[in-house]
Amino acid sequence: ERRKFGPLGWNIRYEFNTSDLDCSFANLKMFIDEQPEIPFPALLYVIGQINYGGRVTDDLDRRCLMSILEVFLNPRAVDDDYKFTKSGTYYAPPEGPLDDYRNYLSSLPMTEAPEVFGMH
């Protein structure tokens, strides 16, 4: 979704597409289903260096990509008090009934703030 900002934040314009996201979701599901604990370093490497990183040719852009992914793919991300953004708007809601998830999702802004994409 960061592509909505065009080349801002990147040295080169990259053509990320939904197949990158679909592949990343498939990898995430596989790792979660097949491992007793979430292998965050492996997820970060596969998604950052292979799925998306294969398109990123500039070293500084790859560093930017990995820095953004580290916010989301780290062991703290499953802690109830971890926030993905400084504003605290974006977080993984704690385990609970389906209505709690729906309420959280409906409370999110209609337009994402740039901070959720690492642009602030």
PDB file of N, CA and C in Angstrom:
ATOM      1  N   GLU A   1       0.805  -1.200   0.000  1.00  0.00           N
ATOM      2  CA  GLU A   1       0.000   0.000   0.000  1.00  0.00           C
ATOM      3  C   GLU A   1       0.848   1.263   0.000  1.00  0.00           C
ATOM      4  N   ARG A   2       2.095   1.131   0.321  1.00  0.00           N
ATOM      5  CA  ARG A   2       2.983   2.295   0.324  1.00  0.00           C
ATOM      6  C   ARG A   2       3.075   2.905  -1.069  1.00  0.00           C
ATOM      7  N   ARG A   3       2.782   2.121  -2.108  1.00  0.00           N
ATOM      8  CA  ARG A   3       2.905   2.628  -3.474  1.00  0.00           C
ATOM      9  C   ARG A   3       1.965   3.791  -3.775  1.00  0.00           C
ATOM     10  N   LYS A   4       0.924   3.964  -2.955  1.00  0.00           N
ATOM     11  CA  LYS A   4       0.009   5.088  -3.179  1.00  0.00           C
ATOM     12  C   LYS A   4       0.724   6.426  -3.038  1.00  0.00           C
ATOM     13  N   PHE A   5       1.907   6.413  -2.410  1.00  0.00           N
ATOM     14  CA  PHE A   5       2.681   7.631  -2.245  1.00  0.00           C
ATOM     15  C   PHE A   5       3.675   7.823  -3.385  1.00  0.00           C
ATOM     16  N   GLY A   6       3.618   6.929  -4.374  1.00  0.00           N
ATOM     17  CA  GLY A   6       4.521   7.041  -5.517  1.00  0.00           C
ATOM     18  C   GLY A   6       5.952   6.784  -5.099  1.00  0.00           C
ATOM     19  N   PRO A   7       6.892   7.492  -5.683  1.00  0.00           N
ATOM     20  CA  PRO A   7       8.296   7.225  -5.392  1.00  0.00           C
ATOM     21  C   PRO A   7       8.797   7.842  -4.084  1.00  0.00           C
ATOM     22  N   LEU A   8       7.924   8.497  -3.329  1.00  0.00           N
ATOM     23  CA  LEU A   8       8.361   9.093  -2.064  1.00  0.00           C
ATOM     24  C   LEU A   8       8.996   8.035  -1.170  1.00  0.00           C
ATOM     25  N   GLY A   9      10.163   8.325  -0.669  1.00  0.00           N
ATOM     26  CA  GLY A   9      10.830   7.414   0.239  1.00  0.00           C
ATOM     27  C   GLY A   9      11.690   6.373  -0.440  1.00  0.00           C
ATOM     28  N   TRP A  10      11.588   6.229  -1.748  1.00  0.00           N
ATOM     29  CA  TRP A  10      12.389   5.260  -2.498  1.00  0.00           C
ATOM     30  C   TRP A  10      13.333   6.012  -3.431  1.00  0.00           C
ATOM     31  N   ASN A  11      14.483   5.444  -3.677  1.00  0.00           N
ATOM     32  CA  ASN A  11      15.408   6.019  -4.652  1.00  0.00           C
ATOM     33  C   ASN A  11      15.008   5.640  -6.072  1.00  0.00           C
ATOM     34  N   ILE A  12      14.363   4.488  -6.206  1.00  0.00           N
ATOM     35  CA  ILE A  12      13.924   3.976  -7.507  1.00  0.00           C
ATOM     36  C   ILE A  12      12.447   3.623  -7.379  1.00  0.00           C
ATOM     37  N   ARG A  13      11.707   3.820  -8.438  1.00  0.00           N
ATOM     38  CA  ARG A  13      10.286   3.456  -8.432  1.00  0.00           C
ATOM     39  C   ARG A  13      10.167   1.953  -8.701  1.00  0.00           C
ATOM     40  N   TYR A  14       9.496   1.229  -7.796  1.00  0.00           N
ATOM     41  CA  TYR A  14       9.340  -0.224  -7.921  1.00  0.00           C
ATOM     42  C   TYR A  14       7.889  -0.567  -8.212  1.00  0.00           C
ATOM     43  N   GLU A  15       7.701  -1.610  -8.963  1.00  0.00           N
ATOM     44  CA  GLU A  15       6.353  -2.071  -9.317  1.00  0.00           C
ATOM     45  C   GLU A  15       5.969  -3.255  -8.438  1.00  0.00           C
ATOM     46  N   PHE A  16       5.652  -2.985  -7.166  1.00  0.00           N
ATOM     47  CA  PHE A  16       5.138  -4.030  -6.302  1.00  0.00           C
ATOM     48  C   PHE A  16       3.718  -4.332  -6.741  1.00  0.00           C
ATOM     49  N   ASN A  17       3.290  -5.563  -6.600  1.00  0.00           N
ATOM     50  CA  ASN A  17       1.925  -5.899  -6.992  1.00  0.00           C
ATOM     51  C   ASN A  17       1.294  -6.857  -5.995  1.00  0.00           C
ATOM     52  N   THR A  18       0.047  -7.194  -6.228  1.00  0.00           N
ATOM     53  CA  THR A  18      -0.677  -8.031  -5.267  1.00  0.00           C
ATOM     54  C   THR A  18      -0.103  -9.445  -5.183  1.00  0.00           C
ATOM     55  N   SER A  19       0.574  -9.910  -6.210  1.00  0.00           N
ATOM     56  CA  SER A  19       1.163 -11.249  -6.114  1.00  0.00           C
ATOM     57  C   SER A  19       2.265 -11.273  -5.051  1.00  0.00           C
ATOM     58  N   ASP A  20       2.979 -10.146  -4.842  1.00  0.00           N
ATOM     59  CA  ASP A  20       3.969 -10.058  -3.764  1.00  0.00           C
ATOM     60  C   ASP A  20       3.281 -10.233  -2.405  1.00  0.00           C
ATOM     61  N   LEU A  21       2.160  -9.554  -2.246  1.00  0.00           N
ATOM     62  CA  LEU A  21       1.401  -9.636  -1.002  1.00  0.00           C
ATOM     63  C   LEU A  21       0.820 -11.035  -0.819  1.00  0.00           C
ATOM     64  N   ASP A  22       0.244 -11.600  -1.881  1.00  0.00           N
ATOM     65  CA  ASP A  22      -0.333 -12.949  -1.807  1.00  0.00           C
ATOM     66  C   ASP A  22       0.724 -13.978  -1.412  1.00  0.00           C
ATOM     67  N   CYS A  23       1.888 -13.883  -1.993  1.00  0.00           N
ATOM     68  CA  CYS A  23       2.984 -14.795  -1.679  1.00  0.00           C
ATOM     69  C   CYS A  23       3.425 -14.621  -0.225  1.00  0.00           C
ATOM     70  N   SER A  24       3.466 -13.389   0.240  1.00  0.00           N
ATOM     71  CA  SER A  24       3.857 -13.122   1.624  1.00  0.00           C
ATOM     72  C   SER A  24       2.829 -13.701   2.601  1.00  0.00           C
ATOM     73  N   PHE A  25       1.541 -13.565   2.273  1.00  0.00           N
ATOM     74  CA  PHE A  25       0.501 -14.164   3.114  1.00  0.00           C
ATOM     75  C   PHE A  25       0.634 -15.675   3.137  1.00  0.00           C
ATOM     76  N   ALA A  26       0.896 -16.287   1.998  1.00  0.00           N
ATOM     77  CA  ALA A  26       1.062 -17.741   1.924  1.00  0.00           C
ATOM     78  C   ALA A  26       2.252 -18.191   2.771  1.00  0.00           C
ATOM     79  N   ASN A  27       3.363 -17.436   2.694  1.00  0.00           N
ATOM     80  CA  ASN A  27       4.531 -17.763   3.521  1.00  0.00           C
ATOM     81  C   ASN A  27       4.216 -17.623   5.001  1.00  0.00           C
ATOM     82  N   LEU A  28       3.531 -16.565   5.363  1.00  0.00           N
ATOM     83  CA  LEU A  28       3.157 -16.342   6.754  1.00  0.00           C
ATOM     84  C   LEU A  28       2.306 -17.498   7.270  1.00  0.00           C
ATOM     85  N   LYS A  29       1.301 -17.883   6.511  1.00  0.00           N
ATOM     86  CA  LYS A  29       0.425 -18.992   6.904  1.00  0.00           C
ATOM     87  C   LYS A  29       1.221 -20.286   7.051  1.00  0.00           C
ATOM     88  N   MET A  30       2.096 -20.564   6.097  1.00  0.00           N
ATOM     89  CA  MET A  30       2.895 -21.779   6.152  1.00  0.00           C
ATOM     90  C   MET A  30       3.774 -21.796   7.409  1.00  0.00           C
ATOM     91  N   PHE A  31       4.469 -20.690   7.682  1.00  0.00           N
ATOM     92  CA  PHE A  31       5.337 -20.638   8.847  1.00  0.00           C
ATOM     93  C   PHE A  31       4.544 -20.803  10.151  1.00  0.00           C
ATOM     94  N   ILE A  32       3.391 -20.168  10.233  1.00  0.00           N
ATOM     95  CA  ILE A  32       2.581 -20.262  11.451  1.00  0.00           C
ATOM     96  C   ILE A  32       2.013 -21.666  11.624  1.00  0.00           C
ATOM     97  N   ASP A  33       1.533 -22.267  10.538  1.00  0.00           N
ATOM     98  CA  ASP A  33       0.933 -23.604  10.611  1.00  0.00           C
ATOM     99  C   ASP A  33       1.960 -24.695  10.893  1.00  0.00           C
ATOM    100  N   GLU A  34       3.178 -24.516  10.427  1.00  0.00           N
ATOM    101  CA  GLU A  34       4.162 -25.597  10.501  1.00  0.00           C
ATOM    102  C   GLU A  34       5.185 -25.449  11.627  1.00  0.00           C
ATOM    103  N   GLN A  35       5.194 -24.337  12.326  1.00  0.00           N
ATOM    104  CA  GLN A  35       6.193 -24.106  13.373  1.00  0.00           C
ATOM    105  C   GLN A  35       5.499 -23.972  14.730  1.00  0.00           C
ATOM    106  N   PRO A  36       6.120 -24.498  15.791  1.00  0.00           N
ATOM    107  CA  PRO A  36       5.512 -24.353  17.125  1.00  0.00           C
ATOM    108  C   PRO A  36       5.523 -22.897  17.616  1.00  0.00           C
ATOM    109  N   GLU A  37       6.517 -22.122  17.187  1.00  0.00           N
ATOM    110  CA  GLU A  37       6.585 -20.698  17.507  1.00  0.00           C
ATOM    111  C   GLU A  37       6.787 -19.921  16.213  1.00  0.00           C
ATOM    112  N   ILE A  38       6.342 -18.687  16.193  1.00  0.00           N
ATOM    113  CA  ILE A  38       6.480 -17.877  14.983  1.00  0.00           C
ATOM    114  C   ILE A  38       7.956 -17.575  14.753  1.00  0.00           C
ATOM    115  N   PRO A  39       8.514 -17.991  13.609  1.00  0.00           N
ATOM    116  CA  PRO A  39       9.936 -17.733  13.322  1.00  0.00           C
ATOM    117  C   PRO A  39      10.131 -16.352  12.696  1.00  0.00           C
ATOM    118  N   PHE A  40      10.107 -15.321  13.524  1.00  0.00           N
ATOM    119  CA  PHE A  40      10.166 -13.953  13.018  1.00  0.00           C
ATOM    120  C   PHE A  40      11.390 -13.661  12.145  1.00  0.00           C
ATOM    121  N   PRO A  41      12.593 -14.092  12.534  1.00  0.00           N
ATOM    122  CA  PRO A  41      13.740 -13.810  11.653  1.00  0.00           C
ATOM    123  C   PRO A  41      13.584 -14.444  10.261  1.00  0.00           C
ATOM    124  N   ALA A  42      13.054 -15.652  10.210  1.00  0.00           N
ATOM    125  CA  ALA A  42      12.847 -16.313   8.911  1.00  0.00           C
ATOM    126  C   ALA A  42      11.782 -15.588   8.107  1.00  0.00           C
ATOM    127  N   LEU A  43      10.699 -15.186   8.760  1.00  0.00           N
ATOM    128  CA  LEU A  43       9.646 -14.427   8.064  1.00  0.00           C
ATOM    129  C   LEU A  43      10.195 -13.130   7.502  1.00  0.00           C
ATOM    130  N   LEU A  44      10.953 -12.417   8.318  1.00  0.00           N
ATOM    131  CA  LEU A  44      11.529 -11.149   7.881  1.00  0.00           C
ATOM    132  C   LEU A  44      12.429 -11.358   6.666  1.00  0.00           C
ATOM    133  N   TYR A  45      13.231 -12.392   6.698  1.00  0.00           N
ATOM    134  CA  TYR A  45      14.141 -12.654   5.582  1.00  0.00           C
ATOM    135  C   TYR A  45      13.363 -13.035   4.317  1.00  0.00           C
ATOM    136  N   VAL A  46      12.455 -13.988   4.426  1.00  0.00           N
ATOM    137  CA  VAL A  46      11.729 -14.457   3.240  1.00  0.00           C
ATOM    138  C   VAL A  46      10.887 -13.344   2.632  1.00  0.00           C
ATOM    139  N   ILE A  47      10.138 -12.636   3.467  1.00  0.00           N
ATOM    140  CA  ILE A  47       9.266 -11.583   2.938  1.00  0.00           C
ATOM    141  C   ILE A  47      10.085 -10.370   2.482  1.00  0.00           C
ATOM    142  N   GLY A  48      11.065  -9.972   3.283  1.00  0.00           N
ATOM    143  CA  GLY A  48      11.823  -8.768   2.966  1.00  0.00           C
ATOM    144  C   GLY A  48      12.875  -8.945   1.895  1.00  0.00           C
ATOM    145  N   GLN A  49      13.624 -10.023   1.964  1.00  0.00           N
ATOM    146  CA  GLN A  49      14.731 -10.203   1.024  1.00  0.00           C
ATOM    147  C   GLN A  49      14.329 -10.954  -0.243  1.00  0.00           C
ATOM    148  N   ILE A  50      13.316 -11.813  -0.151  1.00  0.00           N
ATOM    149  CA  ILE A  50      12.945 -12.626  -1.315  1.00  0.00           C
ATOM    150  C   ILE A  50      11.674 -12.111  -1.983  1.00  0.00           C
ATOM    151  N   ASN A  51      10.554 -12.105  -1.248  1.00  0.00           N
ATOM    152  CA  ASN A  51       9.276 -11.726  -1.868  1.00  0.00           C
ATOM    153  C   ASN A  51       9.289 -10.294  -2.396  1.00  0.00           C
ATOM    154  N   TYR A  52       9.655  -9.355  -1.548  1.00  0.00           N
ATOM    155  CA  TYR A  52       9.707  -7.953  -1.967  1.00  0.00           C
ATOM    156  C   TYR A  52      11.112  -7.540  -2.370  1.00  0.00           C
ATOM    157  N   GLY A  53      12.089  -8.012  -1.625  1.00  0.00           N
ATOM    158  CA  GLY A  53      13.471  -7.613  -1.867  1.00  0.00           C
ATOM    159  C   GLY A  53      14.002  -8.009  -3.223  1.00  0.00           C
ATOM    160  N   GLY A  54      13.403  -9.024  -3.828  1.00  0.00           N
ATOM    161  CA  GLY A  54      13.832  -9.420  -5.163  1.00  0.00           C
ATOM    162  C   GLY A  54      13.593  -8.340  -6.200  1.00  0.00           C
ATOM    163  N   ARG A  55      12.670  -7.456  -5.935  1.00  0.00           N
ATOM    164  CA  ARG A  55      12.382  -6.338  -6.855  1.00  0.00           C
ATOM    165  C   ARG A  55      13.237  -5.112  -6.534  1.00  0.00           C
ATOM    166  N   VAL A  56      13.704  -5.016  -5.297  1.00  0.00           N
ATOM    167  CA  VAL A  56      14.414  -3.827  -4.834  1.00  0.00           C
ATOM    168  C   VAL A  56      15.891  -3.952  -5.168  1.00  0.00           C
ATOM    169  N   THR A  57      16.359  -3.074  -6.018  1.00  0.00           N
ATOM    170  CA  THR A  57      17.735  -3.165  -6.510  1.00  0.00           C
ATOM    171  C   THR A  57      18.691  -2.180  -5.838  1.00  0.00           C
ATOM    172  N   ASP A  58      18.182  -1.154  -5.217  1.00  0.00           N
ATOM    173  CA  ASP A  58      19.023  -0.147  -4.570  1.00  0.00           C
ATOM    174  C   ASP A  58      19.264  -0.553  -3.111  1.00  0.00           C
ATOM    175  N   ASP A  59      20.519  -0.508  -2.673  1.00  0.00           N
ATOM    176  CA  ASP A  59      20.865  -0.924  -1.305  1.00  0.00           C
ATOM    177  C   ASP A  59      20.150  -0.093  -0.244  1.00  0.00           C
ATOM    178  N   LEU A  60      20.032   1.207  -0.456  1.00  0.00           N
ATOM    179  CA  LEU A  60      19.356   2.049   0.530  1.00  0.00           C
ATOM    180  C   LEU A  60      17.851   1.781   0.543  1.00  0.00           C
ATOM    181  N   ASP A  61      17.280   1.477  -0.614  1.00  0.00           N
ATOM    182  CA  ASP A  61      15.866   1.120  -0.664  1.00  0.00           C
ATOM    183  C   ASP A  61      15.620  -0.199   0.068  1.00  0.00           C
ATOM    184  N   ARG A  62      16.541  -1.143  -0.086  1.00  0.00           N
ATOM    185  CA  ARG A  62      16.402  -2.427   0.616  1.00  0.00           C
ATOM    186  C   ARG A  62      16.491  -2.208   2.126  1.00  0.00           C
ATOM    187  N   ARG A  63      17.382  -1.323   2.549  1.00  0.00           N
ATOM    188  CA  ARG A  63      17.481  -1.015   3.981  1.00  0.00           C
ATOM    189  C   ARG A  63      16.176  -0.393   4.475  1.00  0.00           C
ATOM    190  N   CYS A  64      15.602   0.502   3.688  1.00  0.00           N
ATOM    191  CA  CYS A  64      14.323   1.123   4.033  1.00  0.00           C
ATOM    192  C   CYS A  64      13.230   0.059   4.143  1.00  0.00           C
ATOM    193  N   LEU A  65      13.157  -0.820   3.157  1.00  0.00           N
ATOM    194  CA  LEU A  65      12.164  -1.894   3.146  1.00  0.00           C
ATOM    195  C   LEU A  65      12.291  -2.760   4.399  1.00  0.00           C
ATOM    196  N   MET A  66      13.508  -3.173   4.718  1.00  0.00           N
ATOM    197  CA  MET A  66      13.714  -4.038   5.879  1.00  0.00           C
ATOM    198  C   MET A  66      13.383  -3.311   7.182  1.00  0.00           C
ATOM    199  N   SER A  67      13.666  -2.029   7.249  1.00  0.00           N
ATOM    200  CA  SER A  67      13.335  -1.253   8.453  1.00  0.00           C
ATOM    201  C   SER A  67      11.830  -1.171   8.659  1.00  0.00           C
ATOM    202  N   ILE A  68      11.099  -0.981   7.582  1.00  0.00           N
ATOM    203  CA  ILE A  68       9.634  -0.933   7.683  1.00  0.00           C
ATOM    204  C   ILE A  68       9.093  -2.289   8.116  1.00  0.00           C
ATOM    205  N   LEU A  69       9.572  -3.355   7.494  1.00  0.00           N
ATOM    206  CA  LEU A  69       9.084  -4.689   7.830  1.00  0.00           C
ATOM    207  C   LEU A  69       9.411  -5.088   9.261  1.00  0.00           C
ATOM    208  N   GLU A  70      10.550  -4.621   9.781  1.00  0.00           N
ATOM    209  CA  GLU A  70      10.929  -4.951  11.155  1.00  0.00           C
ATOM    210  C   GLU A  70       9.927  -4.424  12.178  1.00  0.00           C
ATOM    211  N   VAL A  71       9.205  -3.372  11.828  1.00  0.00           N
ATOM    212  CA  VAL A  71       8.178  -2.843  12.728  1.00  0.00           C
ATOM    213  C   VAL A  71       7.043  -3.862  12.875  1.00  0.00           C
ATOM    214  N   PHE A  72       6.729  -4.566  11.790  1.00  0.00           N
ATOM    215  CA  PHE A  72       5.592  -5.479  11.773  1.00  0.00           C
ATOM    216  C   PHE A  72       5.972  -6.932  12.032  1.00  0.00           C
ATOM    217  N   LEU A  73       7.170  -7.324  11.656  1.00  0.00           N
ATOM    218  CA  LEU A  73       7.590  -8.724  11.777  1.00  0.00           C
ATOM    219  C   LEU A  73       8.634  -8.863  12.874  1.00  0.00           C
ATOM    220  N   ASN A  74       8.192  -8.739  14.102  1.00  0.00           N
ATOM    221  CA  ASN A  74       9.087  -8.908  15.245  1.00  0.00           C
ATOM    222  C   ASN A  74       8.300  -9.504  16.407  1.00  0.00           C
ATOM    223  N   PRO A  75       8.970 -10.174  17.326  1.00  0.00           N
ATOM    224  CA  PRO A  75       8.270 -10.853  18.424  1.00  0.00           C
ATOM    225  C   PRO A  75       7.403  -9.945  19.284  1.00  0.00           C
ATOM    226  N   ARG A  76       7.765  -8.677  19.406  1.00  0.00           N
ATOM    227  CA  ARG A  76       6.953  -7.753  20.222  1.00  0.00           C
ATOM    228  C   ARG A  76       5.593  -7.485  19.587  1.00  0.00           C
ATOM    229  N   ALA A  77       5.465  -7.696  18.279  1.00  0.00           N
ATOM    230  CA  ALA A  77       4.216  -7.382  17.571  1.00  0.00           C
ATOM    231  C   ALA A  77       3.021  -8.168  18.103  1.00  0.00           C
ATOM    232  N   VAL A  78       3.262  -9.273  18.780  1.00  0.00           N
ATOM    233  CA  VAL A  78       2.149 -10.060  19.329  1.00  0.00           C
ATOM    234  C   VAL A  78       1.852  -9.703  20.786  1.00  0.00           C
ATOM    235  N   ASP A  79       2.615  -8.774  21.362  1.00  0.00           N
ATOM    236  CA  ASP A  79       2.333  -8.304  22.723  1.00  0.00           C
ATOM    237  C   ASP A  79       1.135  -7.360  22.688  1.00  0.00           C
ATOM    238  N   ASP A  80       0.287  -7.463  23.700  1.00  0.00           N
ATOM    239  CA  ASP A  80      -0.925  -6.637  23.732  1.00  0.00           C
ATOM    240  C   ASP A  80      -0.637  -5.142  23.771  1.00  0.00           C
ATOM    241  N   ASP A  81       0.508  -4.736  24.305  1.00  0.00           N
ATOM    242  CA  ASP A  81       0.792  -3.304  24.419  1.00  0.00           C
ATOM    243  C   ASP A  81       1.659  -2.763  23.273  1.00  0.00           C
ATOM    244  N   TYR A  82       1.970  -3.590  22.267  1.00  0.00           N
ATOM    245  CA  TYR A  82       2.800  -3.147  21.145  1.00  0.00           C
ATOM    246  C   TYR A  82       1.956  -2.354  20.145  1.00  0.00           C
ATOM    247  N   LYS A  83       2.466  -1.223  19.717  1.00  0.00           N
ATOM    248  CA  LYS A  83       1.797  -0.385  18.719  1.00  0.00           C
ATOM    249  C   LYS A  83       2.667  -0.306  17.478  1.00  0.00           C
ATOM    250  N   PHE A  84       2.049  -0.370  16.315  1.00  0.00           N
ATOM    251  CA  PHE A  84       2.789  -0.289  15.061  1.00  0.00           C
ATOM    252  C   PHE A  84       3.164   1.145  14.709  1.00  0.00           C
ATOM    253  N   THR A  85       2.468   2.104  15.310  1.00  0.00           N
ATOM    254  CA  THR A  85       2.738   3.516  15.030  1.00  0.00           C
ATOM    255  C   THR A  85       2.862   4.288  16.344  1.00  0.00           C
ATOM    256  N   LYS A  86       3.545   5.409  16.292  1.00  0.00           N
ATOM    257  CA  LYS A  86       3.729   6.225  17.497  1.00  0.00           C
ATOM    258  C   LYS A  86       2.408   6.768  18.027  1.00  0.00           C
ATOM    259  N   SER A  87       1.464   7.013  17.131  1.00  0.00           N
ATOM    260  CA  SER A  87       0.166   7.528  17.573  1.00  0.00           C
ATOM    261  C   SER A  87      -0.622   6.483  18.355  1.00  0.00           C
ATOM    262  N   GLY A  88      -0.275   5.210  18.189  1.00  0.00           N
ATOM    263  CA  GLY A  88      -0.997   4.144  18.873  1.00  0.00           C
ATOM    264  C   GLY A  88      -2.273   3.722  18.171  1.00  0.00           C
ATOM    265  N   THR A  89      -2.563   4.308  17.021  1.00  0.00           N
ATOM    266  CA  THR A  89      -3.786   3.982  16.287  1.00  0.00           C
ATOM    267  C   THR A  89      -3.758   2.557  15.751  1.00  0.00           C
ATOM    268  N   TYR A  90      -2.605   2.129  15.289  1.00  0.00           N
ATOM    269  CA  TYR A  90      -2.492   0.824  14.633  1.00  0.00           C
ATOM    270  C   TYR A  90      -1.787  -0.175  15.548  1.00  0.00           C
ATOM    271  N   TYR A  91      -2.469  -1.265  15.832  1.00  0.00           N
ATOM    272  CA  TYR A  91      -1.926  -2.329  16.674  1.00  0.00           C
ATOM    273  C   TYR A  91      -2.681  -3.619  16.360  1.00  0.00           C
ATOM    274  N   ALA A  92      -2.136  -4.727  16.824  1.00  0.00           N
ATOM    275  CA  ALA A  92      -2.834  -6.006  16.695  1.00  0.00           C
ATOM    276  C   ALA A  92      -3.736  -6.131  17.918  1.00  0.00           C
ATOM    277  N   PRO A  93      -5.042  -6.151  17.719  1.00  0.00           N
ATOM    278  CA  PRO A  93      -5.926  -6.212  18.879  1.00  0.00           C
ATOM    279  C   PRO A  93      -5.712  -7.515  19.657  1.00  0.00           C
ATOM    280  N   PRO A  94      -5.903  -7.469  20.971  1.00  0.00           N
ATOM    281  CA  PRO A  94      -5.731  -8.683  21.766  1.00  0.00           C
ATOM    282  C   PRO A  94      -6.761  -9.740  21.376  1.00  0.00           C
ATOM    283  N   GLU A  95      -6.415 -10.983  21.676  1.00  0.00           N
ATOM    284  CA  GLU A  95      -7.326 -12.083  21.368  1.00  0.00           C
ATOM    285  C   GLU A  95      -8.651 -11.851  22.071  1.00  0.00           C
ATOM    286  N   GLY A  96      -9.739 -12.091  21.350  1.00  0.00           N
ATOM    287  CA  GLY A  96     -11.055 -11.873  21.921  1.00  0.00           C
ATOM    288  C   GLY A  96     -12.140 -12.296  20.953  1.00  0.00           C
ATOM    289  N   PRO A  97     -13.375 -11.971  21.264  1.00  0.00           N
ATOM    290  CA  PRO A  97     -14.486 -12.335  20.382  1.00  0.00           C
ATOM    291  C   PRO A  97     -14.434 -11.571  19.059  1.00  0.00           C
ATOM    292  N   LEU A  98     -15.060 -12.116  18.052  1.00  0.00           N
ATOM    293  CA  LEU A  98     -15.061 -11.536  16.710  1.00  0.00           C
ATOM    294  C   LEU A  98     -15.544 -10.088  16.721  1.00  0.00           C
ATOM    295  N   ASP A  99     -16.521  -9.776  17.538  1.00  0.00           N
ATOM    296  CA  ASP A  99     -17.037  -8.405  17.581  1.00  0.00           C
ATOM    297  C   ASP A  99     -15.971  -7.404  18.043  1.00  0.00           C
ATOM    298  N   ASP A 100     -15.040  -7.831  18.891  1.00  0.00           N
ATOM    299  CA  ASP A 100     -13.957  -6.940  19.312  1.00  0.00           C
ATOM    300  C   ASP A 100     -13.087  -6.560  18.114  1.00  0.00           C
ATOM    301  N   TYR A 101     -12.803  -7.529  17.254  1.00  0.00           N
ATOM    302  CA  TYR A 101     -12.005  -7.256  16.052  1.00  0.00           C
ATOM    303  C   TYR A 101     -12.768  -6.329  15.106  1.00  0.00           C
ATOM    304  N   ARG A 102     -14.035  -6.594  14.952  1.00  0.00           N
ATOM    305  CA  ARG A 102     -14.858  -5.742  14.078  1.00  0.00           C
ATOM    306  C   ARG A 102     -14.902  -4.310  14.607  1.00  0.00           C
ATOM    307  N   ASN A 103     -15.064  -4.174  15.903  1.00  0.00           N
ATOM    308  CA  ASN A 103     -15.102  -2.828  16.502  1.00  0.00           C
ATOM    309  C   ASN A 103     -13.782  -2.103  16.308  1.00  0.00           C
ATOM    310  N   TYR A 104     -12.679  -2.825  16.483  1.00  0.00           N
ATOM    311  CA  TYR A 104     -11.372  -2.193  16.269  1.00  0.00           C
ATOM    312  C   TYR A 104     -11.228  -1.747  14.822  1.00  0.00           C
ATOM    313  N   LEU A 105     -11.551  -2.633  13.894  1.00  0.00           N
ATOM    314  CA  LEU A 105     -11.421  -2.291  12.471  1.00  0.00           C
ATOM    315  C   LEU A 105     -12.318  -1.123  12.084  1.00  0.00           C
ATOM    316  N   SER A 106     -13.508  -1.071  12.624  1.00  0.00           N
ATOM    317  CA  SER A 106     -14.402   0.042  12.288  1.00  0.00           C
ATOM    318  C   SER A 106     -13.945   1.351  12.926  1.00  0.00           C
ATOM    319  N   SER A 107     -13.091   1.273  13.941  1.00  0.00           N
ATOM    320  CA  SER A 107     -12.589   2.496  14.575  1.00  0.00           C
ATOM    321  C   SER A 107     -11.395   3.093  13.828  1.00  0.00           C
ATOM    322  N   LEU A 108     -10.824   2.349  12.898  1.00  0.00           N
ATOM    323  CA  LEU A 108      -9.660   2.856  12.160  1.00  0.00           C
ATOM    324  C   LEU A 108     -10.069   3.978  11.212  1.00  0.00           C
ATOM    325  N   PRO A 109      -9.170   4.908  10.939  1.00  0.00           N
ATOM    326  CA  PRO A 109      -9.483   6.006  10.018  1.00  0.00           C
ATOM    327  C   PRO A 109      -9.798   5.469   8.616  1.00  0.00           C
ATOM    328  N   MET A 110     -10.662   6.164   7.915  1.00  0.00           N
ATOM    329  CA  MET A 110     -11.022   5.759   6.547  1.00  0.00           C
ATOM    330  C   MET A 110      -9.820   5.860   5.606  1.00  0.00           C
ATOM    331  N   THR A 111      -8.946   6.812   5.851  1.00  0.00           N
ATOM    332  CA  THR A 111      -7.731   6.987   5.059  1.00  0.00           C
ATOM    333  C   THR A 111      -6.537   6.760   5.976  1.00  0.00           C
ATOM    334  N   GLU A 112      -5.647   5.863   5.556  1.00  0.00           N
ATOM    335  CA  GLU A 112      -4.492   5.544   6.389  1.00  0.00           C
ATOM    336  C   GLU A 112      -3.558   6.746   6.480  1.00  0.00           C
ATOM    337  N   ALA A 113      -3.026   6.942   7.657  1.00  0.00           N
ATOM    338  CA  ALA A 113      -2.030   7.998   7.847  1.00  0.00           C
ATOM    339  C   ALA A 113      -0.696   7.521   7.283  1.00  0.00           C
ATOM    340  N   PRO A 114       0.115   8.426   6.769  1.00  0.00           N
ATOM    341  CA  PRO A 114       1.422   8.027   6.227  1.00  0.00           C
ATOM    342  C   PRO A 114       2.297   7.295   7.238  1.00  0.00           C
ATOM    343  N   GLU A 115       2.084   7.536   8.537  1.00  0.00           N
ATOM    344  CA  GLU A 115       2.922   6.896   9.550  1.00  0.00           C
ATOM    345  C   GLU A 115       2.838   5.376   9.510  1.00  0.00           C
ATOM    346  N   VAL A 116       1.708   4.823   9.105  1.00  0.00           N
ATOM    347  CA  VAL A 116       1.585   3.367   9.068  1.00  0.00           C
ATOM    348  C   VAL A 116       2.469   2.750   7.986  1.00  0.00           C
ATOM    349  N   PHE A 117       2.892   3.552   7.030  1.00  0.00           N
ATOM    350  CA  PHE A 117       3.774   3.079   5.957  1.00  0.00           C
ATOM    351  C   PHE A 117       5.215   3.515   6.196  1.00  0.00           C
ATOM    352  N   GLY A 118       5.502   3.998   7.395  1.00  0.00           N
ATOM    353  CA  GLY A 118       6.854   4.443   7.708  1.00  0.00           C
ATOM    354  C   GLY A 118       7.186   5.811   7.165  1.00  0.00           C
ATOM    355  N   MET A 119       6.166   6.572   6.794  1.00  0.00           N
ATOM    356  CA  MET A 119       6.392   7.920   6.250  1.00  0.00           C
ATOM    357  C   MET A 119       5.780   8.927   7.214  1.00  0.00           C
ATOM    358  N   HIS A 120       6.629   9.626   7.922  1.00  0.00           N
ATOM    359  CA  HIS A 120       6.132  10.588   8.906  1.00  0.00           C
ATOM    360  C   HIS A 120       7.112  11.726   9.058  1.00  0.00           C
TER     361      HIS A 120
END
